[in-house]
Amino acid sequence: MIEEIEIKGLSDYQKQLAAAANEYAATAEKHLRKAGNALKKMAKEKSPDSGTKHRRKIKESWTGEVDGTSGQDLEYKLRNKAPHYHLVERGHVQTTPSGRVTGFVAGRHFFEAACKEFESSGVADKEVEAFMNEVGKKID
């Protein structure tokens, strides 16, 4: 038989946390931007470089922005503007001009590696803790 466990005060804490994020949206945005920029830096470091000079380098095409207005709606959008990013990241088939398939180029999966490095680095946890400390100081 499964018994239900209820922790008193946890739902109140969740409500207080959501209210703090809404009330201090600018503070939440600041810490979200810091964590997102750290991910952007890791993605840039992991991105391959062709060694040639051209306008749309994958390594130089990372952009990040915070979107949303309230604390619950905030999200960091990280994207790469290079038109060939998805081909290098995920892989693609090689074809002749007539359309005959001649091979397959495997994906490099560098963004996936950057995300794993970001998760293991603990940057997000540190920023959440810093946000909670800053909000705690404002509440007291």
C-alpha atoms as a PDB file:
ATOM      1  CA  MET A   1       0.000   0.000   0.000  1.00  0.00           C
ATOM      2  CA  ILE A   2       1.338   3.448  -0.934  1.00  0.00           C
ATOM      3  CA  GLU A   3       1.059   6.105   1.704  1.00  0.00           C
ATOM      4  CA  GLU A   4       0.990   9.759   0.899  1.00  0.00           C
ATOM      5  CA  ILE A   5       3.620  11.930   2.556  1.00  0.00           C
ATOM      6  CA  GLU A   6       2.880  15.572   3.077  1.00  0.00           C
ATOM      7  CA  ILE A   7       5.500  18.102   4.112  1.00  0.00           C
ATOM      8  CA  LYS A   8       3.928  21.058   5.810  1.00  0.00           C
ATOM      9  CA  GLY A   9       5.142  24.445   4.690  1.00  0.00           C
ATOM     10  CA  LEU A  10       6.604  23.260   1.357  1.00  0.00           C
ATOM     11  CA  SER A  11       3.718  24.557  -0.715  1.00  0.00           C
ATOM     12  CA  ASP A  12       3.963  27.860   1.163  1.00  0.00           C
ATOM     13  CA  TYR A  13       7.687  27.987   0.343  1.00  0.00           C
ATOM     14  CA  GLN A  14       6.959  27.325  -3.351  1.00  0.00           C
ATOM     15  CA  LYS A  15       4.371  30.100  -3.372  1.00  0.00           C
ATOM     16  CA  GLN A  16       6.817  32.491  -1.698  1.00  0.00           C
ATOM     17  CA  LEU A  17       9.536  31.568  -4.221  1.00  0.00           C
ATOM     18  CA  ALA A  18       7.206  32.185  -7.179  1.00  0.00           C
ATOM     19  CA  ALA A  19       6.057  35.482  -5.652  1.00  0.00           C
ATOM     20  CA  ALA A  20       9.674  36.550  -5.090  1.00  0.00           C
ATOM     21  CA  ALA A  21      10.542  35.725  -8.721  1.00  0.00           C
ATOM     22  CA  ASN A  22       7.590  37.796  -9.913  1.00  0.00           C
ATOM     23  CA  GLU A  23       8.271  40.683  -7.546  1.00  0.00           C
ATOM     24  CA  TYR A  24      11.998  40.727  -8.229  1.00  0.00           C
ATOM     25  CA  ALA A  25      11.860  39.966 -11.957  1.00  0.00           C
ATOM     26  CA  ALA A  26      14.781  42.278 -12.686  1.00  0.00           C
ATOM     27  CA  THR A  27      16.949  40.413 -10.173  1.00  0.00           C
ATOM     28  CA  ALA A  28      15.847  37.066 -11.589  1.00  0.00           C
ATOM     29  CA  GLU A  29      16.615  38.298 -15.099  1.00  0.00           C
ATOM     30  CA  LYS A  30      20.106  39.386 -14.039  1.00  0.00           C
ATOM     31  CA  HIS A  31      20.955  35.959 -12.642  1.00  0.00           C
ATOM     32  CA  LEU A  32      19.342  34.162 -15.586  1.00  0.00           C
ATOM     33  CA  ARG A  33      21.431  36.272 -17.968  1.00  0.00           C
ATOM     34  CA  LYS A  34      24.622  35.394 -16.055  1.00  0.00           C
ATOM     35  CA  ALA A  35      23.889  31.671 -16.252  1.00  0.00           C
ATOM     36  CA  GLY A  36      22.868  31.910 -19.919  1.00  0.00           C
ATOM     37  CA  ASN A  37      25.998  33.834 -20.843  1.00  0.00           C
ATOM     38  CA  ALA A  38      28.091  31.148 -19.169  1.00  0.00           C
ATOM     39  CA  LEU A  39      26.374  28.543 -21.375  1.00  0.00           C
ATOM     40  CA  LYS A  40      26.956  30.742 -24.426  1.00  0.00           C
ATOM     41  CA  LYS A  41      30.664  30.985 -23.582  1.00  0.00           C
ATOM     42  CA  MET A  42      30.930  27.196 -23.220  1.00  0.00           C
ATOM     43  CA  ALA A  43      29.110  26.681 -26.533  1.00  0.00           C
ATOM     44  CA  LYS A  44      31.453  29.136 -28.231  1.00  0.00           C
ATOM     45  CA  GLU A  45      34.501  27.317 -26.851  1.00  0.00           C
ATOM     46  CA  LYS A  46      33.188  23.934 -28.043  1.00  0.00           C
ATOM     47  CA  SER A  47      32.174  25.194 -31.512  1.00  0.00           C
ATOM     48  CA  PRO A  48      34.401  24.067 -34.389  1.00  0.00           C
ATOM     49  CA  ASP A  49      36.424  26.594 -36.348  1.00  0.00           C
ATOM     50  CA  SER A  50      37.026  26.030 -40.056  1.00  0.00           C
ATOM     51  CA  GLY A  51      40.283  27.963 -40.007  1.00  0.00           C
ATOM     52  CA  THR A  52      39.177  30.154 -42.898  1.00  0.00           C
ATOM     53  CA  LYS A  53      37.918  33.700 -42.661  1.00  0.00           C
ATOM     54  CA  HIS A  54      34.262  34.177 -43.624  1.00  0.00           C
ATOM     55  CA  ARG A  55      31.209  36.075 -42.398  1.00  0.00           C
ATOM     56  CA  ARG A  56      29.089  33.297 -40.872  1.00  0.00           C
ATOM     57  CA  LYS A  57      31.451  31.389 -38.588  1.00  0.00           C
ATOM     58  CA  ILE A  58      29.629  29.074 -36.192  1.00  0.00           C
ATOM     59  CA  LYS A  59      31.967  30.060 -33.390  1.00  0.00           C
ATOM     60  CA  GLU A  60      31.158  33.776 -33.774  1.00  0.00           C
ATOM     61  CA  SER A  61      27.402  33.463 -34.449  1.00  0.00           C
ATOM     62  CA  TRP A  62      26.069  32.675 -30.944  1.00  0.00           C
ATOM     63  CA  THR A  63      23.430  35.074 -29.598  1.00  0.00           C
ATOM     64  CA  GLY A  64      21.523  34.944 -26.341  1.00  0.00           C
ATOM     65  CA  GLU A  65      18.679  37.001 -24.952  1.00  0.00           C
ATOM     66  CA  VAL A  66      16.314  36.924 -22.013  1.00  0.00           C
ATOM     67  CA  ASP A  67      12.661  36.767 -23.008  1.00  0.00           C
ATOM     68  CA  GLY A  68       9.598  37.301 -20.816  1.00  0.00           C
ATOM     69  CA  THR A  69       8.295  39.928 -18.447  1.00  0.00           C
ATOM     70  CA  SER A  70       7.396  38.243 -15.164  1.00  0.00           C
ATOM     71  CA  GLY A  71       9.478  35.892 -13.060  1.00  0.00           C
ATOM     72  CA  GLN A  72       7.637  32.774 -14.218  1.00  0.00           C
ATOM     73  CA  ASP A  73       7.832  33.726 -17.914  1.00  0.00           C
ATOM     74  CA  LEU A  74      11.553  34.466 -18.029  1.00  0.00           C
ATOM     75  CA  GLU A  75      13.658  32.262 -20.286  1.00  0.00           C
ATOM     76  CA  TYR A  76      17.073  32.550 -21.878  1.00  0.00           C
ATOM     77  CA  LYS A  77      17.055  31.914 -25.614  1.00  0.00           C
ATOM     78  CA  LEU A  78      20.400  30.829 -27.029  1.00  0.00           C
ATOM     79  CA  ARG A  79      20.722  30.371 -30.769  1.00  0.00           C
ATOM     80  CA  ASN A  80      23.288  30.247 -33.514  1.00  0.00           C
ATOM     81  CA  LYS A  81      22.718  32.472 -36.540  1.00  0.00           C
ATOM     82  CA  ALA A  82      25.080  30.578 -38.869  1.00  0.00           C
ATOM     83  CA  PRO A  83      23.034  29.056 -41.713  1.00  0.00           C
ATOM     84  CA  HIS A  84      25.051  25.830 -41.687  1.00  0.00           C
ATOM     85  CA  TYR A  85      24.981  25.274 -37.895  1.00  0.00           C
ATOM     86  CA  HIS A  86      22.409  22.463 -38.002  1.00  0.00           C
ATOM     87  CA  LEU A  87      24.373  20.615 -40.686  1.00  0.00           C
ATOM     88  CA  VAL A  88      27.579  20.606 -38.652  1.00  0.00           C
ATOM     89  CA  GLU A  89      25.820  19.854 -35.345  1.00  0.00           C
ATOM     90  CA  ARG A  90      23.537  17.030 -36.521  1.00  0.00           C
ATOM     91  CA  GLY A  91      25.230  15.754 -39.678  1.00  0.00           C
ATOM     92  CA  HIS A  92      24.102  15.671 -43.311  1.00  0.00           C
ATOM     93  CA  VAL A  93      24.256  13.657 -46.515  1.00  0.00           C
ATOM     94  CA  GLN A  94      26.634  14.567 -49.317  1.00  0.00           C
ATOM     95  CA  THR A  95      25.141  14.738 -52.781  1.00  0.00           C
ATOM     96  CA  THR A  96      26.329  15.534 -56.277  1.00  0.00           C
ATOM     97  CA  PRO A  97      24.743  18.423 -58.194  1.00  0.00           C
ATOM     98  CA  SER A  98      22.497  15.875 -59.911  1.00  0.00           C
ATOM     99  CA  GLY A  99      21.177  14.665 -56.537  1.00  0.00           C
ATOM    100  CA  ARG A 100      23.004  11.331 -56.252  1.00  0.00           C
ATOM    101  CA  VAL A 101      23.951  10.574 -52.628  1.00  0.00           C
ATOM    102  CA  THR A 102      27.699  10.033 -52.269  1.00  0.00           C
ATOM    103  CA  GLY A 103      28.097   9.816 -48.510  1.00  0.00           C
ATOM    104  CA  PHE A 104      27.187  11.005 -45.066  1.00  0.00           C
ATOM    105  CA  VAL A 105      29.002  13.464 -42.801  1.00  0.00           C
ATOM    106  CA  ALA A 106      28.476  12.637 -39.132  1.00  0.00           C
ATOM    107  CA  GLY A 107      27.408  15.397 -36.773  1.00  0.00           C
ATOM    108  CA  ARG A 108      29.932  16.931 -34.375  1.00  0.00           C
ATOM    109  CA  HIS A 109      27.412  17.323 -31.469  1.00  0.00           C
ATOM    110  CA  PHE A 110      29.454  20.146 -29.931  1.00  0.00           C
ATOM    111  CA  PHE A 111      26.421  21.950 -28.471  1.00  0.00           C
ATOM    112  CA  GLU A 112      25.313  18.785 -26.706  1.00  0.00           C
ATOM    113  CA  ALA A 113      28.804  18.528 -25.194  1.00  0.00           C
ATOM    114  CA  ALA A 114      28.626  22.174 -24.091  1.00  0.00           C
ATOM    115  CA  CYS A 115      25.248  21.539 -22.401  1.00  0.00           C
ATOM    116  CA  LYS A 116      26.639  18.538 -20.517  1.00  0.00           C
ATOM    117  CA  GLU A 117      29.631  20.603 -19.394  1.00  0.00           C
ATOM    118  CA  PHE A 118      27.284  23.390 -18.263  1.00  0.00           C
ATOM    119  CA  GLU A 119      25.160  20.960 -16.230  1.00  0.00           C
ATOM    120  CA  SER A 120      28.196  19.446 -14.534  1.00  0.00           C
ATOM    121  CA  SER A 121      29.815  22.833 -13.814  1.00  0.00           C
ATOM    122  CA  GLY A 122      27.103  23.868 -11.337  1.00  0.00           C
ATOM    123  CA  VAL A 123      26.847  27.429 -12.707  1.00  0.00           C
ATOM    124  CA  ALA A 124      23.036  27.309 -12.727  1.00  0.00           C
ATOM    125  CA  ASP A 125      22.928  26.117  -9.116  1.00  0.00           C
ATOM    126  CA  LYS A 126      25.264  28.917  -8.038  1.00  0.00           C
ATOM    127  CA  GLU A 127      23.127  31.531  -9.786  1.00  0.00           C
ATOM    128  CA  VAL A 128      19.917  30.215  -8.189  1.00  0.00           C
ATOM    129  CA  GLU A 129      21.620  30.350  -4.803  1.00  0.00           C
ATOM    130  CA  ALA A 130      22.870  33.890  -5.472  1.00  0.00           C
ATOM    131  CA  PHE A 131      19.347  34.919  -6.522  1.00  0.00           C
ATOM    132  CA  MET A 132      17.854  33.461  -3.351  1.00  0.00           C
ATOM    133  CA  ASN A 133      20.480  35.235  -1.192  1.00  0.00           C
ATOM    134  CA  GLU A 134      19.821  38.555  -2.919  1.00  0.00           C
ATOM    135  CA  VAL A 135      16.044  38.214  -2.564  1.00  0.00           C
ATOM    136  CA  GLY A 136      16.495  37.140   1.068  1.00  0.00           C
ATOM    137  CA  LYS A 137      18.444  40.320   1.775  1.00  0.00           C
ATOM    138  CA  LYS A 138      15.716  42.453   0.148  1.00  0.00           C
ATOM    139  CA  ILE A 139      12.941  40.707   2.128  1.00  0.00           C
ATOM    140  CA  ASP A 140      14.691  41.105   5.486  1.00  0.00           C
END
